[in-house]
């Protein structure tokens, strides 16, 4: 039951984009089309889950025993960047088709603050290994859901008559705000 609550909370109630405001850059930048949003979402799910697993191990078996918790952010950034680079290299050799599919999204994830944010949140909440991986995966799915919904709305906005002063960035920001308000409706769920 606890894991179901984690999923509902991470995907709908405390969505990483709409309530924690992490990952806003790729949310606004990559959400032009549903196909690119799906690619970015898949890459985020994979990297966020793997990065949380590795950073939790680094925190528990390296930083805490050596009293180096103050280096957490720097270590996590290095781990995430190294992990993304390693995954990119492995994918290029093992599965060129998957590498082509993820293409530009893997390097973009290195600068996605959502990945670092979840890794830090997991350590702050003092979750065990299984729960932290589950939490990271659920948050990544929530990020992907937000990205796909927003991409669908943006695709429909291209066919709408929008006042001249609202075209471009203004309508995108207003739409993102309305979508965030819609997700606030889930706050009474859990």
N, C-alpha and C. Protein backbone atom coordinates (compact mmCIF):
# COMPACT_ATOMS: atom_id res chain seq x y z
N UNK A 1 0.82 -1.20 0.00
CA UNK A 1 0.00 0.00 0.00
C UNK A 1 0.86 1.26 0.00
N UNK A 2 2.00 1.17 0.70
CA UNK A 2 2.89 2.34 0.78
C UNK A 2 3.45 2.71 -0.59
N UNK A 3 3.74 1.71 -1.41
CA UNK A 3 4.28 1.98 -2.73
C UNK A 3 3.23 2.57 -3.67
N UNK A 4 1.98 2.17 -3.50
CA UNK A 4 0.90 2.77 -4.29
C UNK A 4 0.74 4.24 -3.92
N UNK A 5 0.85 4.55 -2.64
CA UNK A 5 0.79 5.96 -2.21
C UNK A 5 1.96 6.77 -2.78
N UNK A 6 3.13 6.15 -2.85
CA UNK A 6 4.28 6.84 -3.44
C UNK A 6 4.00 7.16 -4.90
N UNK A 7 3.43 6.22 -5.63
CA UNK A 7 3.13 6.46 -7.05
C UNK A 7 2.13 7.58 -7.21
N UNK A 8 1.03 7.51 -6.49
CA UNK A 8 -0.02 8.54 -6.62
C UNK A 8 0.52 9.90 -6.21
N UNK A 9 1.26 9.93 -5.13
CA UNK A 9 1.80 11.20 -4.65
C UNK A 9 2.81 11.79 -5.63
N UNK A 10 3.73 10.96 -6.12
CA UNK A 10 4.79 11.47 -7.00
C UNK A 10 4.26 11.86 -8.38
N UNK A 11 3.31 11.10 -8.91
CA UNK A 11 2.82 11.38 -10.26
C UNK A 11 1.81 12.52 -10.27
N UNK A 12 0.88 12.53 -9.34
CA UNK A 12 -0.21 13.49 -9.40
C UNK A 12 -0.14 14.60 -8.35
N UNK A 13 -0.02 14.24 -7.08
CA UNK A 13 -0.15 15.22 -6.00
C UNK A 13 1.07 16.13 -5.91
N UNK A 14 2.26 15.56 -5.82
CA UNK A 14 3.49 16.36 -5.73
C UNK A 14 4.30 16.20 -7.01
N UNK A 15 3.67 16.43 -8.13
CA UNK A 15 4.35 16.30 -9.42
C UNK A 15 5.61 17.16 -9.41
N UNK A 16 6.68 16.57 -9.86
CA UNK A 16 7.99 17.23 -9.80
C UNK A 16 8.03 18.55 -10.56
N UNK A 17 7.26 18.65 -11.61
CA UNK A 17 7.25 19.88 -12.42
C UNK A 17 6.28 20.91 -11.84
N UNK A 18 5.08 20.47 -11.49
CA UNK A 18 4.03 21.42 -11.14
C UNK A 18 4.00 21.83 -9.67
N UNK A 19 4.52 21.02 -8.77
CA UNK A 19 4.50 21.44 -7.37
C UNK A 19 5.89 21.66 -6.79
N UNK A 20 6.90 20.99 -7.35
CA UNK A 20 8.26 21.18 -6.85
C UNK A 20 9.09 22.06 -7.76
N UNK A 21 8.58 22.36 -8.94
CA UNK A 21 9.23 23.25 -9.92
C UNK A 21 10.65 22.83 -10.27
N UNK A 22 10.85 21.53 -10.42
CA UNK A 22 12.13 21.00 -10.88
C UNK A 22 11.96 20.50 -12.31
N UNK A 23 12.96 20.68 -13.13
CA UNK A 23 12.90 20.23 -14.50
C UNK A 23 12.12 21.15 -15.42
N UNK A 24 12.03 22.40 -15.06
CA UNK A 24 11.25 23.36 -15.85
C UNK A 24 11.90 23.61 -17.22
N UNK A 25 13.23 23.66 -17.28
CA UNK A 25 13.90 23.92 -18.57
C UNK A 25 13.54 22.89 -19.64
N UNK A 26 13.70 21.58 -19.38
CA UNK A 26 13.28 20.63 -20.41
C UNK A 26 11.77 20.61 -20.58
N UNK A 27 11.03 20.90 -19.52
CA UNK A 27 9.58 20.92 -19.62
C UNK A 27 9.13 21.96 -20.63
N UNK A 28 9.70 23.14 -20.58
CA UNK A 28 9.34 24.20 -21.53
C UNK A 28 10.05 24.05 -22.87
N UNK A 29 11.28 23.53 -22.85
CA UNK A 29 12.08 23.49 -24.07
C UNK A 29 11.85 22.31 -24.98
N UNK A 30 11.49 21.16 -24.44
CA UNK A 30 11.40 19.95 -25.24
C UNK A 30 9.94 19.57 -25.53
N UNK A 31 9.01 20.32 -25.00
CA UNK A 31 7.61 19.93 -25.11
C UNK A 31 6.91 20.49 -26.34
N UNK A 32 7.63 20.64 -27.45
CA UNK A 32 7.00 21.14 -28.68
C UNK A 32 6.15 20.08 -29.34
N UNK A 33 6.59 18.83 -29.29
CA UNK A 33 5.89 17.73 -29.95
C UNK A 33 5.80 16.55 -29.00
N UNK A 34 4.77 15.76 -29.17
CA UNK A 34 4.58 14.59 -28.31
C UNK A 34 5.69 13.58 -28.51
N UNK A 35 6.15 13.41 -29.75
CA UNK A 35 7.20 12.42 -30.02
C UNK A 35 8.50 12.76 -29.29
N UNK A 36 8.90 14.02 -29.30
CA UNK A 36 10.11 14.40 -28.58
C UNK A 36 9.90 14.32 -27.07
N UNK A 37 8.69 14.59 -26.62
CA UNK A 37 8.39 14.49 -25.20
C UNK A 37 8.47 13.04 -24.73
N UNK A 38 8.00 12.13 -25.56
CA UNK A 38 8.11 10.71 -25.21
C UNK A 38 9.56 10.26 -25.12
N UNK A 39 10.39 10.71 -26.05
CA UNK A 39 11.81 10.38 -26.02
C UNK A 39 12.50 10.92 -24.79
N UNK A 40 12.23 12.18 -24.49
CA UNK A 40 12.82 12.79 -23.31
C UNK A 40 12.32 12.12 -22.04
N UNK A 41 11.04 11.79 -22.00
CA UNK A 41 10.46 11.13 -20.84
C UNK A 41 11.08 9.77 -20.59
N UNK A 42 11.26 9.00 -21.65
CA UNK A 42 11.88 7.67 -21.51
C UNK A 42 13.31 7.80 -21.00
N UNK A 43 14.04 8.76 -21.54
CA UNK A 43 15.42 8.96 -21.09
C UNK A 43 15.47 9.40 -19.63
N UNK A 44 14.54 10.26 -19.22
CA UNK A 44 14.51 10.72 -17.83
C UNK A 44 14.16 9.57 -16.89
N UNK A 45 13.21 8.74 -17.27
CA UNK A 45 12.84 7.59 -16.42
C UNK A 45 14.07 6.70 -16.20
N UNK A 46 14.76 6.40 -17.27
CA UNK A 46 15.93 5.52 -17.17
C UNK A 46 17.04 6.15 -16.33
N UNK A 47 17.40 7.38 -16.66
CA UNK A 47 18.53 8.03 -15.98
C UNK A 47 18.19 8.38 -14.53
N UNK A 48 16.97 8.87 -14.27
CA UNK A 48 16.62 9.24 -12.89
C UNK A 48 16.62 8.02 -11.97
N UNK A 49 16.11 6.91 -12.46
CA UNK A 49 16.11 5.69 -11.65
C UNK A 49 17.53 5.21 -11.39
N UNK A 50 18.34 5.15 -12.42
CA UNK A 50 19.71 4.70 -12.28
C UNK A 50 20.54 5.67 -11.43
N UNK A 51 20.36 6.96 -11.64
CA UNK A 51 21.12 7.96 -10.87
C UNK A 51 20.75 7.93 -9.40
N UNK A 52 19.48 7.74 -9.09
CA UNK A 52 19.08 7.66 -7.69
C UNK A 52 19.65 6.42 -7.03
N UNK A 53 19.67 5.32 -7.75
CA UNK A 53 20.27 4.11 -7.21
C UNK A 53 21.75 4.33 -6.88
N UNK A 54 22.49 4.89 -7.81
CA UNK A 54 23.93 5.09 -7.60
C UNK A 54 24.20 6.15 -6.55
N UNK A 55 23.47 7.27 -6.57
CA UNK A 55 23.72 8.32 -5.58
C UNK A 55 23.34 7.88 -4.18
N UNK A 56 22.33 7.03 -4.06
CA UNK A 56 21.98 6.49 -2.74
C UNK A 56 23.10 5.60 -2.22
N UNK A 57 23.68 4.79 -3.10
CA UNK A 57 24.82 3.97 -2.70
C UNK A 57 26.02 4.83 -2.30
N UNK A 58 26.29 5.87 -3.08
CA UNK A 58 27.40 6.79 -2.76
C UNK A 58 27.16 7.45 -1.41
N UNK A 59 25.93 7.88 -1.16
CA UNK A 59 25.61 8.54 0.10
C UNK A 59 25.79 7.58 1.28
N UNK A 60 25.24 6.37 1.15
CA UNK A 60 25.25 5.43 2.28
C UNK A 60 26.61 4.80 2.54
N UNK A 61 27.37 4.54 1.48
CA UNK A 61 28.61 3.78 1.66
C UNK A 61 29.89 4.58 1.47
N UNK A 62 29.77 5.85 1.10
CA UNK A 62 30.97 6.67 0.93
C UNK A 62 30.90 7.97 1.74
N UNK A 63 29.87 8.76 1.50
CA UNK A 63 29.80 10.07 2.13
C UNK A 63 29.52 10.01 3.63
N UNK A 64 28.54 9.23 4.04
CA UNK A 64 28.20 9.15 5.47
C UNK A 64 29.31 8.50 6.29
N UNK A 65 29.86 7.34 5.88
CA UNK A 65 30.93 6.74 6.69
C UNK A 65 32.18 7.62 6.80
N UNK A 66 32.45 8.43 5.78
CA UNK A 66 33.65 9.25 5.81
C UNK A 66 33.36 10.68 6.30
N UNK A 67 32.15 10.92 6.80
CA UNK A 67 31.74 12.26 7.26
C UNK A 67 31.95 13.34 6.20
N UNK A 68 31.56 13.03 4.99
CA UNK A 68 31.71 13.98 3.88
C UNK A 68 30.35 14.39 3.31
N UNK A 69 29.33 14.45 4.15
CA UNK A 69 27.99 14.79 3.68
C UNK A 69 27.93 16.17 3.04
N UNK A 70 28.86 17.06 3.44
CA UNK A 70 28.87 18.41 2.88
C UNK A 70 29.25 18.42 1.40
N UNK A 71 29.80 17.32 0.90
CA UNK A 71 30.15 17.21 -0.52
C UNK A 71 29.06 16.54 -1.35
N UNK A 72 27.89 16.39 -0.75
CA UNK A 72 26.81 15.65 -1.40
C UNK A 72 26.44 16.21 -2.77
N UNK A 73 26.19 17.49 -2.87
CA UNK A 73 25.75 18.07 -4.13
C UNK A 73 26.80 17.92 -5.22
N UNK A 74 28.04 18.20 -4.88
CA UNK A 74 29.12 18.09 -5.87
C UNK A 74 29.29 16.63 -6.31
N UNK A 75 29.27 15.72 -5.35
CA UNK A 75 29.41 14.30 -5.69
C UNK A 75 28.25 13.83 -6.56
N UNK A 76 27.05 14.24 -6.21
CA UNK A 76 25.89 13.81 -6.98
C UNK A 76 25.93 14.35 -8.40
N UNK A 77 26.36 15.59 -8.57
CA UNK A 77 26.47 16.16 -9.93
C UNK A 77 27.49 15.36 -10.74
N UNK A 78 28.63 15.06 -10.13
CA UNK A 78 29.65 14.28 -10.83
C UNK A 78 29.16 12.87 -11.16
N UNK A 79 28.46 12.25 -10.23
CA UNK A 79 27.93 10.91 -10.46
C UNK A 79 26.91 10.93 -11.60
N UNK A 80 26.00 11.90 -11.60
CA UNK A 80 24.97 11.97 -12.64
C UNK A 80 25.60 12.24 -14.00
N UNK A 81 26.53 13.18 -14.06
CA UNK A 81 27.18 13.48 -15.34
C UNK A 81 27.97 12.27 -15.85
N UNK A 82 28.68 11.60 -14.96
CA UNK A 82 29.44 10.41 -15.36
C UNK A 82 28.51 9.29 -15.80
N UNK A 83 27.43 9.13 -15.08
CA UNK A 83 26.46 8.09 -15.41
C UNK A 83 25.84 8.32 -16.79
N UNK A 84 25.46 9.55 -17.06
CA UNK A 84 24.87 9.87 -18.37
C UNK A 84 25.89 9.62 -19.47
N UNK A 85 27.13 10.02 -19.25
CA UNK A 85 28.17 9.81 -20.25
C UNK A 85 28.42 8.32 -20.46
N UNK A 86 28.45 7.55 -19.38
CA UNK A 86 28.67 6.11 -19.47
C UNK A 86 27.51 5.43 -20.20
N UNK A 87 26.28 5.80 -19.85
CA UNK A 87 25.10 5.23 -20.52
C UNK A 87 25.12 5.56 -22.00
N UNK A 88 25.49 6.79 -22.33
CA UNK A 88 25.56 7.20 -23.73
C UNK A 88 26.59 6.36 -24.50
N UNK A 89 27.75 6.15 -23.92
CA UNK A 89 28.80 5.36 -24.56
C UNK A 89 28.38 3.90 -24.72
N UNK A 90 27.79 3.34 -23.68
CA UNK A 90 27.35 1.94 -23.74
C UNK A 90 26.26 1.77 -24.79
N UNK A 91 25.29 2.68 -24.80
CA UNK A 91 24.21 2.59 -25.78
C UNK A 91 24.72 2.72 -27.20
N UNK A 92 25.72 3.57 -27.40
CA UNK A 92 26.27 3.76 -28.75
C UNK A 92 26.87 2.45 -29.26
N UNK A 93 27.51 1.69 -28.36
CA UNK A 93 28.15 0.44 -28.77
C UNK A 93 27.17 -0.73 -28.82
N UNK A 94 26.32 -0.85 -27.83
CA UNK A 94 25.44 -2.01 -27.73
C UNK A 94 24.19 -1.89 -28.60
N UNK A 95 23.53 -0.74 -28.55
CA UNK A 95 22.26 -0.58 -29.26
C UNK A 95 22.25 0.75 -30.01
N UNK A 96 22.83 0.81 -31.19
CA UNK A 96 22.85 2.05 -31.94
C UNK A 96 21.45 2.61 -32.26
N UNK A 97 20.47 1.72 -32.43
CA UNK A 97 19.12 2.20 -32.72
C UNK A 97 18.52 2.92 -31.51
N UNK A 98 18.72 2.38 -30.30
CA UNK A 98 18.24 3.05 -29.10
C UNK A 98 19.02 4.33 -28.86
N UNK A 99 20.30 4.29 -29.15
CA UNK A 99 21.12 5.51 -29.02
C UNK A 99 20.61 6.60 -29.95
N UNK A 100 20.26 6.23 -31.18
CA UNK A 100 19.70 7.20 -32.13
C UNK A 100 18.35 7.71 -31.67
N UNK A 101 17.55 6.82 -31.07
CA UNK A 101 16.22 7.22 -30.61
C UNK A 101 16.32 8.23 -29.46
N UNK A 102 17.24 7.98 -28.52
CA UNK A 102 17.41 8.90 -27.40
C UNK A 102 18.25 10.11 -27.79
N UNK A 103 19.19 9.89 -28.70
CA UNK A 103 20.00 10.94 -29.29
C UNK A 103 20.34 12.11 -28.39
N UNK A 104 19.74 13.25 -28.66
CA UNK A 104 20.09 14.49 -27.99
C UNK A 104 19.54 14.54 -26.56
N UNK A 105 18.62 13.65 -26.21
CA UNK A 105 18.00 13.72 -24.90
C UNK A 105 18.94 13.31 -23.78
N UNK A 106 19.83 12.36 -24.03
CA UNK A 106 20.74 11.93 -22.97
C UNK A 106 21.65 13.07 -22.49
N UNK A 107 22.32 13.81 -23.38
CA UNK A 107 23.13 14.92 -22.87
C UNK A 107 22.29 16.01 -22.19
N UNK A 108 21.05 16.19 -22.61
CA UNK A 108 20.18 17.18 -21.97
C UNK A 108 19.88 16.81 -20.52
N UNK A 109 19.85 15.52 -20.24
CA UNK A 109 19.51 15.08 -18.89
C UNK A 109 20.61 15.45 -17.90
N UNK A 110 21.83 15.58 -18.37
CA UNK A 110 22.93 15.95 -17.48
C UNK A 110 22.63 17.27 -16.78
N UNK A 111 21.96 18.18 -17.48
CA UNK A 111 21.66 19.49 -16.90
C UNK A 111 20.24 19.57 -16.36
N UNK A 112 19.52 18.47 -16.31
CA UNK A 112 18.16 18.47 -15.79
C UNK A 112 18.20 18.46 -14.27
N UNK A 113 17.75 19.54 -13.67
CA UNK A 113 17.82 19.65 -12.21
C UNK A 113 16.87 18.69 -11.51
N UNK A 114 15.91 18.13 -12.23
CA UNK A 114 14.99 17.16 -11.62
C UNK A 114 15.74 15.91 -11.18
N UNK A 115 16.71 15.47 -11.94
CA UNK A 115 17.47 14.27 -11.60
C UNK A 115 18.25 14.51 -10.31
N UNK A 116 18.94 15.63 -10.23
CA UNK A 116 19.68 15.96 -9.01
C UNK A 116 18.74 16.20 -7.85
N UNK A 117 17.63 16.88 -8.10
CA UNK A 117 16.66 17.17 -7.04
C UNK A 117 16.10 15.92 -6.40
N UNK A 118 15.75 14.93 -7.21
CA UNK A 118 15.21 13.69 -6.66
C UNK A 118 16.28 12.93 -5.88
N UNK A 119 17.50 12.93 -6.39
CA UNK A 119 18.59 12.25 -5.67
C UNK A 119 18.80 12.88 -4.29
N UNK A 120 18.71 14.18 -4.21
CA UNK A 120 18.87 14.86 -2.92
C UNK A 120 17.65 14.64 -2.03
N UNK A 121 16.45 14.71 -2.61
CA UNK A 121 15.23 14.48 -1.82
C UNK A 121 15.20 13.09 -1.19
N UNK A 122 15.68 12.10 -1.92
CA UNK A 122 15.71 10.73 -1.41
C UNK A 122 16.59 10.65 -0.17
N UNK A 123 17.73 11.32 -0.21
CA UNK A 123 18.61 11.27 0.96
C UNK A 123 18.03 12.08 2.12
N UNK A 124 17.34 13.18 1.82
CA UNK A 124 16.72 13.97 2.88
C UNK A 124 15.58 13.23 3.56
N UNK A 125 14.85 12.43 2.78
CA UNK A 125 13.72 11.67 3.34
C UNK A 125 14.17 10.37 3.98
N UNK A 126 15.47 10.08 3.88
CA UNK A 126 16.07 8.89 4.51
C UNK A 126 15.33 7.61 4.12
N UNK A 127 15.16 7.42 2.81
CA UNK A 127 14.47 6.24 2.29
C UNK A 127 15.46 5.08 2.14
N UNK A 128 14.92 3.86 2.23
CA UNK A 128 15.77 2.71 1.97
C UNK A 128 15.98 2.58 0.46
N UNK A 129 16.81 1.63 0.06
CA UNK A 129 17.21 1.51 -1.35
C UNK A 129 16.01 1.25 -2.26
N UNK A 130 15.19 0.27 -1.93
CA UNK A 130 14.05 -0.07 -2.77
C UNK A 130 13.06 1.08 -2.88
N UNK A 131 12.77 1.69 -1.75
CA UNK A 131 11.83 2.80 -1.75
C UNK A 131 12.37 4.00 -2.52
N UNK A 132 13.67 4.25 -2.42
CA UNK A 132 14.25 5.40 -3.13
C UNK A 132 14.20 5.19 -4.64
N UNK A 133 14.47 3.98 -5.10
CA UNK A 133 14.38 3.68 -6.53
C UNK A 133 12.94 3.79 -7.01
N UNK A 134 12.02 3.27 -6.21
CA UNK A 134 10.60 3.35 -6.53
C UNK A 134 10.14 4.81 -6.60
N UNK A 135 10.57 5.61 -5.63
CA UNK A 135 10.23 7.04 -5.58
C UNK A 135 10.78 7.77 -6.80
N UNK A 136 12.01 7.48 -7.16
CA UNK A 136 12.62 8.12 -8.32
C UNK A 136 11.90 7.75 -9.61
N UNK A 137 11.56 6.49 -9.75
CA UNK A 137 10.86 6.05 -10.95
C UNK A 137 9.48 6.70 -11.03
N UNK A 138 8.77 6.75 -9.92
CA UNK A 138 7.45 7.38 -9.90
C UNK A 138 7.54 8.86 -10.25
N UNK A 139 8.54 9.55 -9.73
CA UNK A 139 8.72 10.97 -10.06
C UNK A 139 9.07 11.15 -11.53
N UNK A 140 9.87 10.25 -12.07
CA UNK A 140 10.21 10.33 -13.49
C UNK A 140 8.98 10.09 -14.37
N UNK A 141 8.12 9.18 -13.95
CA UNK A 141 6.87 8.95 -14.67
C UNK A 141 5.98 10.19 -14.58
N UNK A 142 5.94 10.83 -13.42
CA UNK A 142 5.19 12.08 -13.27
C UNK A 142 5.73 13.18 -14.17
N UNK A 143 7.05 13.26 -14.26
CA UNK A 143 7.69 14.23 -15.16
C UNK A 143 7.29 13.95 -16.60
N UNK A 144 7.32 12.68 -16.98
CA UNK A 144 6.96 12.28 -18.35
C UNK A 144 5.50 12.59 -18.64
N UNK A 145 4.63 12.31 -17.69
CA UNK A 145 3.21 12.61 -17.86
C UNK A 145 2.99 14.10 -18.07
N UNK A 146 3.63 14.92 -17.25
CA UNK A 146 3.51 16.37 -17.40
C UNK A 146 4.02 16.83 -18.76
N UNK A 147 5.13 16.27 -19.19
CA UNK A 147 5.73 16.63 -20.47
C UNK A 147 4.81 16.26 -21.64
N UNK A 148 4.23 15.07 -21.60
CA UNK A 148 3.37 14.62 -22.70
C UNK A 148 2.07 15.42 -22.75
N UNK A 149 1.46 15.66 -21.59
CA UNK A 149 0.23 16.46 -21.56
C UNK A 149 0.49 17.86 -22.11
N UNK A 150 1.58 18.46 -21.66
CA UNK A 150 1.90 19.82 -22.10
C UNK A 150 2.23 19.85 -23.59
N UNK A 151 2.90 18.83 -24.08
CA UNK A 151 3.21 18.76 -25.51
C UNK A 151 1.93 18.65 -26.34
N UNK A 152 0.98 17.86 -25.86
CA UNK A 152 -0.30 17.75 -26.55
C UNK A 152 -1.04 19.07 -26.60
N UNK A 153 -1.01 19.78 -25.50
CA UNK A 153 -1.66 21.10 -25.46
C UNK A 153 -0.96 22.07 -26.40
N UNK A 154 0.37 22.03 -26.40
CA UNK A 154 1.12 22.94 -27.28
C UNK A 154 0.89 22.63 -28.75
N UNK A 155 0.74 21.36 -29.08
CA UNK A 155 0.42 21.01 -30.47
C UNK A 155 -0.94 21.56 -30.86
N UNK A 156 -1.90 21.52 -29.95
CA UNK A 156 -3.23 22.07 -30.24
C UNK A 156 -3.22 23.59 -30.31
N UNK A 157 -2.34 24.22 -29.54
CA UNK A 157 -2.25 25.69 -29.57
C UNK A 157 -1.81 26.22 -30.93
N UNK A 158 -1.08 25.40 -31.68
CA UNK A 158 -0.64 25.83 -33.01
C UNK A 158 -1.81 26.05 -33.95
N UNK A 159 -2.93 25.39 -33.70
CA UNK A 159 -4.11 25.52 -34.56
C UNK A 159 -5.14 26.50 -33.99
N UNK A 160 -4.82 27.11 -32.86
CA UNK A 160 -5.76 28.03 -32.22
C UNK A 160 -5.46 29.47 -32.61
N UNK A 161 -6.50 30.25 -32.56
CA UNK A 161 -6.32 31.70 -32.79
C UNK A 161 -5.94 32.33 -31.46
N UNK A 162 -4.74 32.83 -31.42
CA UNK A 162 -4.21 33.42 -30.19
C UNK A 162 -3.97 34.90 -30.46
N UNK A 163 -4.35 35.78 -29.52
CA UNK A 163 -4.06 37.21 -29.71
C UNK A 163 -2.57 37.45 -29.93
N UNK A 164 -2.27 38.44 -30.71
CA UNK A 164 -0.88 38.71 -31.10
C UNK A 164 0.05 38.89 -29.90
N UNK A 165 -0.39 39.56 -28.88
CA UNK A 165 0.44 39.80 -27.70
C UNK A 165 0.68 38.57 -26.85
N UNK A 166 -0.11 37.53 -27.08
CA UNK A 166 0.02 36.31 -26.28
C UNK A 166 0.75 35.19 -27.01
N UNK A 167 1.08 35.37 -28.27
CA UNK A 167 1.74 34.32 -29.04
C UNK A 167 3.13 34.03 -28.49
N UNK A 168 3.54 32.79 -28.63
CA UNK A 168 4.89 32.40 -28.21
C UNK A 168 4.97 32.10 -26.73
N UNK A 169 5.97 32.68 -26.09
CA UNK A 169 6.26 32.41 -24.68
C UNK A 169 5.11 32.77 -23.74
N UNK A 170 4.42 33.90 -23.91
CA UNK A 170 3.35 34.22 -22.96
C UNK A 170 2.25 33.14 -22.88
N UNK A 171 1.78 32.66 -24.01
CA UNK A 171 0.72 31.64 -23.97
C UNK A 171 1.23 30.33 -23.41
N UNK A 172 2.50 30.03 -23.65
CA UNK A 172 3.09 28.81 -23.11
C UNK A 172 3.15 28.88 -21.59
N UNK A 173 3.58 30.02 -21.05
CA UNK A 173 3.67 30.16 -19.59
C UNK A 173 2.29 30.17 -18.94
N UNK A 174 1.33 30.83 -19.56
CA UNK A 174 -0.03 30.84 -19.03
C UNK A 174 -0.61 29.42 -19.03
N UNK A 175 -0.39 28.70 -20.12
CA UNK A 175 -0.87 27.32 -20.22
C UNK A 175 -0.22 26.43 -19.16
N UNK A 176 1.08 26.60 -18.96
CA UNK A 176 1.77 25.81 -17.92
C UNK A 176 1.20 26.13 -16.54
N UNK A 177 0.90 27.38 -16.30
CA UNK A 177 0.31 27.77 -15.02
C UNK A 177 -1.07 27.16 -14.81
N UNK A 178 -1.89 27.16 -15.85
CA UNK A 178 -3.23 26.56 -15.75
C UNK A 178 -3.12 25.05 -15.54
N UNK A 179 -2.16 24.43 -16.21
CA UNK A 179 -1.95 23.00 -16.03
C UNK A 179 -1.49 22.69 -14.60
N UNK A 180 -0.64 23.54 -14.05
CA UNK A 180 -0.21 23.36 -12.66
C UNK A 180 -1.39 23.51 -11.70
N UNK A 181 -2.28 24.45 -11.99
CA UNK A 181 -3.48 24.60 -11.16
C UNK A 181 -4.37 23.37 -11.26
N UNK A 182 -4.46 22.79 -12.46
CA UNK A 182 -5.25 21.57 -12.63
C UNK A 182 -4.68 20.44 -11.80
N UNK A 183 -3.36 20.34 -11.76
CA UNK A 183 -2.73 19.26 -10.96
C UNK A 183 -2.90 19.53 -9.46
N UNK A 184 -3.12 20.78 -9.06
CA UNK A 184 -3.38 21.06 -7.65
C UNK A 184 -4.70 20.43 -7.20
N UNK A 185 -5.57 20.15 -8.15
CA UNK A 185 -6.82 19.48 -7.83
C UNK A 185 -6.63 18.10 -7.25
N UNK A 186 -5.48 17.50 -7.49
CA UNK A 186 -5.19 16.17 -6.95
C UNK A 186 -4.71 16.22 -5.49
N UNK A 187 -4.51 17.42 -4.96
CA UNK A 187 -3.88 17.54 -3.64
C UNK A 187 -4.70 16.90 -2.52
N UNK A 188 -5.98 16.75 -2.66
CA UNK A 188 -6.77 16.11 -1.62
C UNK A 188 -6.81 14.60 -1.73
N UNK A 189 -6.14 14.05 -2.74
CA UNK A 189 -6.17 12.62 -2.98
C UNK A 189 -5.48 11.82 -1.87
N UNK A 190 -4.35 12.30 -1.43
CA UNK A 190 -3.56 11.56 -0.44
C UNK A 190 -3.37 12.41 0.79
